[in-house]
Amino acid sequence: MPLVKINLRKGREAEVKVAIADAVQAALVNVLGIPDADRYAVINELDGEHFIHTPAYLDLKYSEDLLMIEITFIEGRPDETKKELLKDLNRRLTATGHVREDDVFVMIYEVGKANVSFGKGLAQRAL
C-alpha cells in the first residue's frame, strides 16, 4: 500500500521520471516484499520558486536535481527494514544514471491500518 510522492524541480524528461518511479517501486518490492501490482505514486513537478532547499546539509551537497520523496505505508515495520529501504532506494536511484547519491531526500510516514482505504469506503487492512 505504499503511497509514494516524488517531488522534483520541473524540467526532467518523461523517461527520466519513469526511471525514477520504477527505481522507487523496485526498492519497495525488494525490501518491503509488496507485490509489484501494489503501486501508487504521484510525481509533483514544481517551478524553482516552489521547490526550495538548502544547498548543503549534514556533509551533503544538493544540486538542482534534488528529489524529495515521501513514502507513506501502514505502521509496524522495524527500523532496520526502513533503514534498508533507504539504502536500497538510494542505490537504485543512483543506478538509473539520472540521480546523484546526495540528491535523494526521503521522508517515511507510517499510518494505522484503519487510516487507509483502497476504495469502496472500506479500510481493507483493518478488517
N, C-alpha and C. Protein backbone atom coordinates (compact mmCIF):
# COMPACT_ATOMS: atom_id res chain seq x y z
N MET A 1 0.80 -1.18 0.00
CA MET A 1 0.00 0.00 0.00
C MET A 1 0.84 1.24 0.00
N PRO A 2 2.12 1.14 -0.08
CA PRO A 2 2.85 2.40 -0.01
C PRO A 2 2.33 3.42 -1.01
N LEU A 3 2.19 4.64 -0.53
CA LEU A 3 1.88 5.77 -1.39
C LEU A 3 3.16 6.58 -1.50
N VAL A 4 3.63 6.78 -2.71
CA VAL A 4 4.89 7.47 -2.96
C VAL A 4 4.61 8.81 -3.61
N LYS A 5 5.22 9.84 -3.06
CA LYS A 5 5.17 11.17 -3.68
C LYS A 5 6.61 11.55 -4.00
N ILE A 6 6.86 11.77 -5.28
CA ILE A 6 8.19 12.16 -5.73
C ILE A 6 8.11 13.63 -6.13
N ASN A 7 8.75 14.45 -5.35
CA ASN A 7 8.75 15.89 -5.59
C ASN A 7 10.07 16.27 -6.24
N LEU A 8 9.98 16.97 -7.38
CA LEU A 8 11.19 17.37 -8.09
C LEU A 8 10.96 18.67 -8.84
N ARG A 9 12.05 19.27 -9.21
CA ARG A 9 12.01 20.52 -9.98
C ARG A 9 11.59 20.20 -11.41
N LYS A 10 10.77 21.06 -12.01
CA LYS A 10 10.34 20.89 -13.40
C LYS A 10 11.53 20.82 -14.34
N GLY A 11 11.34 20.09 -15.43
CA GLY A 11 12.34 20.09 -16.47
C GLY A 11 12.92 18.72 -16.81
N ARG A 12 12.60 17.71 -16.04
CA ARG A 12 13.14 16.38 -16.35
C ARG A 12 12.32 15.73 -17.46
N GLU A 13 12.99 14.97 -18.29
CA GLU A 13 12.33 14.28 -19.39
C GLU A 13 11.43 13.17 -18.86
N ALA A 14 10.40 12.83 -19.64
CA ALA A 14 9.43 11.82 -19.23
C ALA A 14 10.10 10.49 -18.89
N GLU A 15 11.07 10.07 -19.71
CA GLU A 15 11.71 8.77 -19.45
C GLU A 15 12.53 8.78 -18.16
N VAL A 16 13.06 9.94 -17.78
CA VAL A 16 13.80 10.06 -16.52
C VAL A 16 12.84 9.92 -15.35
N LYS A 17 11.69 10.55 -15.45
CA LYS A 17 10.69 10.44 -14.38
C LYS A 17 10.20 9.01 -14.23
N VAL A 18 10.01 8.33 -15.35
CA VAL A 18 9.59 6.92 -15.30
C VAL A 18 10.69 6.07 -14.66
N ALA A 19 11.94 6.32 -15.01
CA ALA A 19 13.06 5.56 -14.42
C ALA A 19 13.13 5.78 -12.91
N ILE A 20 12.89 7.02 -12.48
CA ILE A 20 12.90 7.31 -11.04
C ILE A 20 11.76 6.57 -10.34
N ALA A 21 10.55 6.66 -10.88
CA ALA A 21 9.40 5.98 -10.28
C ALA A 21 9.60 4.47 -10.27
N ASP A 22 10.16 3.92 -11.34
CA ASP A 22 10.42 2.48 -11.41
C ASP A 22 11.45 2.04 -10.36
N ALA A 23 12.48 2.85 -10.16
CA ALA A 23 13.50 2.53 -9.16
C ALA A 23 12.91 2.52 -7.75
N VAL A 24 12.05 3.49 -7.47
CA VAL A 24 11.40 3.54 -6.15
C VAL A 24 10.53 2.30 -5.96
N GLN A 25 9.73 1.97 -6.95
CA GLN A 25 8.86 0.79 -6.84
C GLN A 25 9.69 -0.48 -6.65
N ALA A 26 10.79 -0.61 -7.38
CA ALA A 26 11.63 -1.80 -7.25
C ALA A 26 12.19 -1.93 -5.83
N ALA A 27 12.56 -0.83 -5.22
CA ALA A 27 13.07 -0.87 -3.85
C ALA A 27 11.97 -1.28 -2.88
N LEU A 28 10.76 -0.78 -3.08
CA LEU A 28 9.64 -1.15 -2.21
C LEU A 28 9.33 -2.64 -2.32
N VAL A 29 9.33 -3.15 -3.54
CA VAL A 29 9.08 -4.58 -3.76
C VAL A 29 10.19 -5.40 -3.12
N ASN A 30 11.44 -5.00 -3.34
CA ASN A 30 12.58 -5.74 -2.83
C ASN A 30 12.65 -5.76 -1.31
N VAL A 31 12.52 -4.61 -0.69
CA VAL A 31 12.74 -4.52 0.76
C VAL A 31 11.46 -4.81 1.56
N LEU A 32 10.33 -4.27 1.13
CA LEU A 32 9.10 -4.45 1.90
C LEU A 32 8.34 -5.71 1.52
N GLY A 33 8.70 -6.29 0.37
CA GLY A 33 8.05 -7.51 -0.07
C GLY A 33 6.62 -7.30 -0.56
N ILE A 34 6.31 -6.09 -0.98
CA ILE A 34 4.96 -5.84 -1.50
C ILE A 34 4.85 -6.40 -2.91
N PRO A 35 3.65 -6.72 -3.37
CA PRO A 35 3.51 -7.15 -4.76
C PRO A 35 3.77 -5.98 -5.70
N ASP A 36 4.31 -6.26 -6.86
CA ASP A 36 4.59 -5.18 -7.82
C ASP A 36 3.31 -4.46 -8.24
N ALA A 37 2.17 -5.16 -8.22
CA ALA A 37 0.90 -4.55 -8.59
C ALA A 37 0.43 -3.53 -7.56
N ASP A 38 1.01 -3.54 -6.37
CA ASP A 38 0.67 -2.59 -5.31
C ASP A 38 1.48 -1.32 -5.56
N ARG A 39 1.06 -0.56 -6.55
CA ARG A 39 1.83 0.61 -6.98
C ARG A 39 0.95 1.85 -7.01
N TYR A 40 1.30 2.81 -6.16
CA TYR A 40 0.61 4.09 -6.07
C TYR A 40 1.67 5.17 -5.96
N ALA A 41 1.77 6.00 -6.98
CA ALA A 41 2.81 7.03 -6.98
C ALA A 41 2.30 8.30 -7.65
N VAL A 42 2.79 9.42 -7.14
CA VAL A 42 2.48 10.73 -7.69
C VAL A 42 3.80 11.45 -7.89
N ILE A 43 3.97 12.04 -9.06
CA ILE A 43 5.15 12.85 -9.31
C ILE A 43 4.70 14.31 -9.35
N ASN A 44 5.23 15.09 -8.43
CA ASN A 44 4.92 16.51 -8.36
C ASN A 44 6.09 17.29 -8.95
N GLU A 45 5.86 17.96 -10.07
CA GLU A 45 6.88 18.80 -10.68
C GLU A 45 6.62 20.25 -10.28
N LEU A 46 7.64 20.88 -9.76
CA LEU A 46 7.49 22.22 -9.22
C LEU A 46 8.45 23.20 -9.89
N ASP A 47 7.98 24.43 -10.07
CA ASP A 47 8.87 25.51 -10.51
C ASP A 47 9.89 25.75 -9.41
N GLY A 48 11.03 26.29 -9.78
CA GLY A 48 12.10 26.55 -8.82
C GLY A 48 11.66 27.36 -7.62
N GLU A 49 10.78 28.31 -7.83
CA GLU A 49 10.32 29.15 -6.71
C GLU A 49 9.44 28.37 -5.73
N HIS A 50 8.96 27.18 -6.15
CA HIS A 50 8.15 26.34 -5.28
C HIS A 50 8.89 25.08 -4.83
N PHE A 51 10.16 25.02 -5.14
CA PHE A 51 10.98 23.86 -4.76
C PHE A 51 12.23 24.41 -4.06
N ILE A 52 12.11 24.59 -2.78
CA ILE A 52 13.13 25.30 -2.01
C ILE A 52 13.88 24.31 -1.12
N HIS A 53 15.19 24.38 -1.18
CA HIS A 53 16.00 23.53 -0.31
C HIS A 53 17.36 24.20 -0.09
N THR A 54 17.99 23.80 0.98
CA THR A 54 19.32 24.27 1.29
C THR A 54 20.32 23.68 0.30
N PRO A 55 21.40 24.38 -0.01
CA PRO A 55 22.38 23.80 -0.94
C PRO A 55 23.24 22.69 -0.33
N ALA A 56 23.31 22.66 1.00
CA ALA A 56 24.14 21.65 1.66
C ALA A 56 23.65 21.45 3.09
N TYR A 57 23.77 20.20 3.58
CA TYR A 57 23.37 19.90 4.95
C TYR A 57 23.94 18.54 5.33
N LEU A 58 24.45 18.42 6.56
CA LEU A 58 24.99 17.16 7.09
C LEU A 58 26.01 16.53 6.14
N ASP A 59 26.94 17.32 5.69
CA ASP A 59 28.01 16.87 4.77
C ASP A 59 27.48 16.40 3.41
N LEU A 60 26.28 16.82 3.04
CA LEU A 60 25.71 16.52 1.73
C LEU A 60 25.64 17.81 0.93
N LYS A 61 25.85 17.71 -0.36
CA LYS A 61 25.73 18.84 -1.26
C LYS A 61 24.63 18.53 -2.26
N TYR A 62 23.58 19.36 -2.23
CA TYR A 62 22.43 19.14 -3.11
C TYR A 62 22.57 19.93 -4.40
N SER A 63 22.10 19.33 -5.48
CA SER A 63 22.08 20.02 -6.77
C SER A 63 20.64 20.48 -7.06
N GLU A 64 20.45 21.06 -8.21
CA GLU A 64 19.11 21.46 -8.65
C GLU A 64 18.25 20.23 -8.94
N ASP A 65 18.86 19.05 -9.00
CA ASP A 65 18.14 17.81 -9.30
C ASP A 65 17.73 17.03 -8.06
N LEU A 66 17.77 17.67 -6.90
CA LEU A 66 17.36 17.01 -5.66
C LEU A 66 15.97 16.41 -5.81
N LEU A 67 15.79 15.22 -5.28
CA LEU A 67 14.47 14.59 -5.18
C LEU A 67 14.05 14.64 -3.72
N MET A 68 12.82 15.05 -3.47
CA MET A 68 12.24 14.97 -2.13
C MET A 68 11.13 13.93 -2.23
N ILE A 69 11.40 12.76 -1.65
CA ILE A 69 10.49 11.62 -1.78
C ILE A 69 9.79 11.39 -0.44
N GLU A 70 8.48 11.27 -0.52
CA GLU A 70 7.67 10.96 0.66
C GLU A 70 7.03 9.59 0.45
N ILE A 71 7.19 8.71 1.43
CA ILE A 71 6.61 7.37 1.33
C ILE A 71 5.74 7.15 2.57
N THR A 72 4.49 6.82 2.33
CA THR A 72 3.56 6.53 3.41
C THR A 72 3.15 5.06 3.31
N PHE A 73 3.26 4.36 4.45
CA PHE A 73 2.78 2.97 4.47
C PHE A 73 2.25 2.63 5.85
N ILE A 74 1.60 1.47 5.94
CA ILE A 74 1.00 1.03 7.19
C ILE A 74 2.08 0.73 8.21
N GLU A 75 1.86 1.20 9.43
CA GLU A 75 2.83 1.07 10.52
C GLU A 75 3.13 -0.39 10.85
N GLY A 76 4.27 -0.58 11.50
CA GLY A 76 4.61 -1.91 12.02
C GLY A 76 5.93 -2.48 11.55
N ARG A 77 6.56 -1.83 10.60
CA ARG A 77 7.84 -2.37 10.12
C ARG A 77 8.97 -1.90 11.05
N PRO A 78 9.93 -2.78 11.32
CA PRO A 78 11.03 -2.40 12.21
C PRO A 78 11.94 -1.33 11.57
N ASP A 79 12.63 -0.60 12.43
CA ASP A 79 13.54 0.45 11.96
C ASP A 79 14.59 -0.09 11.01
N GLU A 80 15.07 -1.30 11.24
CA GLU A 80 16.09 -1.88 10.36
C GLU A 80 15.57 -2.04 8.94
N THR A 81 14.31 -2.40 8.81
CA THR A 81 13.71 -2.53 7.48
C THR A 81 13.65 -1.17 6.80
N LYS A 82 13.25 -0.15 7.54
CA LYS A 82 13.17 1.20 6.97
C LYS A 82 14.56 1.70 6.57
N LYS A 83 15.56 1.41 7.37
CA LYS A 83 16.94 1.80 7.02
C LYS A 83 17.40 1.08 5.76
N GLU A 84 17.06 -0.20 5.64
CA GLU A 84 17.42 -0.95 4.44
C GLU A 84 16.70 -0.38 3.21
N LEU A 85 15.46 0.04 3.39
CA LEU A 85 14.72 0.66 2.29
C LEU A 85 15.43 1.94 1.84
N LEU A 86 15.87 2.76 2.77
CA LEU A 86 16.58 3.99 2.41
C LEU A 86 17.84 3.69 1.61
N LYS A 87 18.59 2.68 2.02
CA LYS A 87 19.81 2.29 1.29
C LYS A 87 19.48 1.79 -0.11
N ASP A 88 18.48 0.92 -0.19
CA ASP A 88 18.12 0.35 -1.49
C ASP A 88 17.57 1.41 -2.43
N LEU A 89 16.76 2.32 -1.90
CA LEU A 89 16.25 3.43 -2.71
C LEU A 89 17.40 4.23 -3.31
N ASN A 90 18.34 4.60 -2.47
CA ASN A 90 19.47 5.41 -2.95
C ASN A 90 20.28 4.66 -3.99
N ARG A 91 20.53 3.39 -3.74
CA ARG A 91 21.32 2.58 -4.68
C ARG A 91 20.61 2.47 -6.03
N ARG A 92 19.33 2.19 -6.01
CA ARG A 92 18.58 2.02 -7.26
C ARG A 92 18.40 3.35 -8.01
N LEU A 93 18.19 4.42 -7.28
CA LEU A 93 18.03 5.72 -7.94
C LEU A 93 19.33 6.18 -8.58
N THR A 94 20.44 6.00 -7.90
CA THR A 94 21.71 6.41 -8.50
C THR A 94 22.08 5.50 -9.67
N ALA A 95 21.65 4.24 -9.62
CA ALA A 95 21.93 3.31 -10.72
C ALA A 95 21.21 3.70 -12.01
N THR A 96 20.18 4.54 -11.91
CA THR A 96 19.49 4.99 -13.13
C THR A 96 20.40 5.89 -13.97
N GLY A 97 21.41 6.47 -13.34
CA GLY A 97 22.28 7.41 -14.04
C GLY A 97 21.73 8.82 -14.11
N HIS A 98 20.57 9.04 -13.48
CA HIS A 98 19.93 10.35 -13.52
C HIS A 98 19.89 11.04 -12.17
N VAL A 99 20.39 10.37 -11.12
CA VAL A 99 20.28 10.89 -9.76
C VAL A 99 21.63 10.75 -9.07
N ARG A 100 22.06 11.83 -8.42
CA ARG A 100 23.28 11.80 -7.62
C ARG A 100 22.97 11.21 -6.24
N GLU A 101 23.95 10.59 -5.63
CA GLU A 101 23.79 9.96 -4.32
C GLU A 101 23.30 10.95 -3.26
N ASP A 102 23.82 12.18 -3.29
CA ASP A 102 23.40 13.18 -2.30
C ASP A 102 22.00 13.72 -2.57
N ASP A 103 21.49 13.56 -3.76
CA ASP A 103 20.23 14.19 -4.16
C ASP A 103 18.99 13.33 -3.90
N VAL A 104 19.03 12.50 -2.87
CA VAL A 104 17.89 11.65 -2.53
C VAL A 104 17.50 11.92 -1.08
N PHE A 105 16.53 12.79 -0.89
CA PHE A 105 15.98 13.13 0.43
C PHE A 105 14.68 12.35 0.57
N VAL A 106 14.56 11.54 1.63
CA VAL A 106 13.39 10.68 1.80
C VAL A 106 12.77 10.91 3.18
N MET A 107 11.46 10.99 3.20
CA MET A 107 10.71 11.08 4.45
C MET A 107 9.70 9.93 4.45
N ILE A 108 9.72 9.12 5.51
CA ILE A 108 8.79 8.00 5.63
C ILE A 108 7.73 8.34 6.67
N TYR A 109 6.49 8.10 6.30
CA TYR A 109 5.36 8.30 7.20
C TYR A 109 4.67 6.96 7.41
N GLU A 110 4.28 6.68 8.66
CA GLU A 110 3.55 5.46 8.95
C GLU A 110 2.15 5.81 9.45
N VAL A 111 1.17 5.05 8.99
CA VAL A 111 -0.22 5.27 9.40
C VAL A 111 -0.83 3.96 9.90
N GLY A 112 -1.86 4.07 10.71
CA GLY A 112 -2.56 2.90 11.22
C GLY A 112 -3.38 2.22 10.12
N LYS A 113 -3.70 0.96 10.33
CA LYS A 113 -4.45 0.18 9.33
C LYS A 113 -5.82 0.78 9.03
N ALA A 114 -6.46 1.39 10.00
CA ALA A 114 -7.78 1.97 9.79
C ALA A 114 -7.72 3.30 9.05
N ASN A 115 -6.52 3.79 8.78
CA ASN A 115 -6.35 5.09 8.11
C ASN A 115 -6.19 4.97 6.60
N VAL A 116 -6.40 3.77 6.05
CA VAL A 116 -6.18 3.56 4.62
C VAL A 116 -7.39 2.87 4.01
N SER A 117 -7.83 3.41 2.88
CA SER A 117 -8.88 2.77 2.09
C SER A 117 -8.39 2.64 0.66
N PHE A 118 -8.51 1.45 0.11
CA PHE A 118 -8.17 1.23 -1.30
C PHE A 118 -9.38 1.50 -2.19
N GLY A 119 -10.51 1.78 -1.57
CA GLY A 119 -11.73 2.09 -2.31
C GLY A 119 -12.96 1.51 -1.61
N LYS A 120 -14.13 1.85 -2.11
CA LYS A 120 -15.42 1.40 -1.60
C LYS A 120 -15.67 1.84 -0.16
N GLY A 121 -14.90 2.80 0.34
CA GLY A 121 -15.11 3.28 1.70
C GLY A 121 -14.74 2.30 2.78
N LEU A 122 -13.92 1.31 2.45
CA LEU A 122 -13.51 0.29 3.40
C LEU A 122 -12.05 0.47 3.80
N ALA A 123 -11.75 0.14 5.04
CA ALA A 123 -10.36 0.09 5.49
C ALA A 123 -9.93 -1.37 5.38
N GLN A 124 -9.59 -1.80 4.16
CA GLN A 124 -9.38 -3.21 3.86
C GLN A 124 -8.34 -3.88 4.76
N ARG A 125 -7.32 -3.16 5.17
CA ARG A 125 -6.28 -3.77 6.02
C ARG A 125 -6.69 -3.85 7.48
N ALA A 126 -7.78 -3.19 7.86
CA ALA A 126 -8.22 -3.19 9.25
C ALA A 126 -9.42 -4.10 9.48
N LEU A 127 -9.81 -4.87 8.45
CA LEU A 127 -10.99 -5.76 8.58
C LEU A 127 -10.65 -7.02 9.34
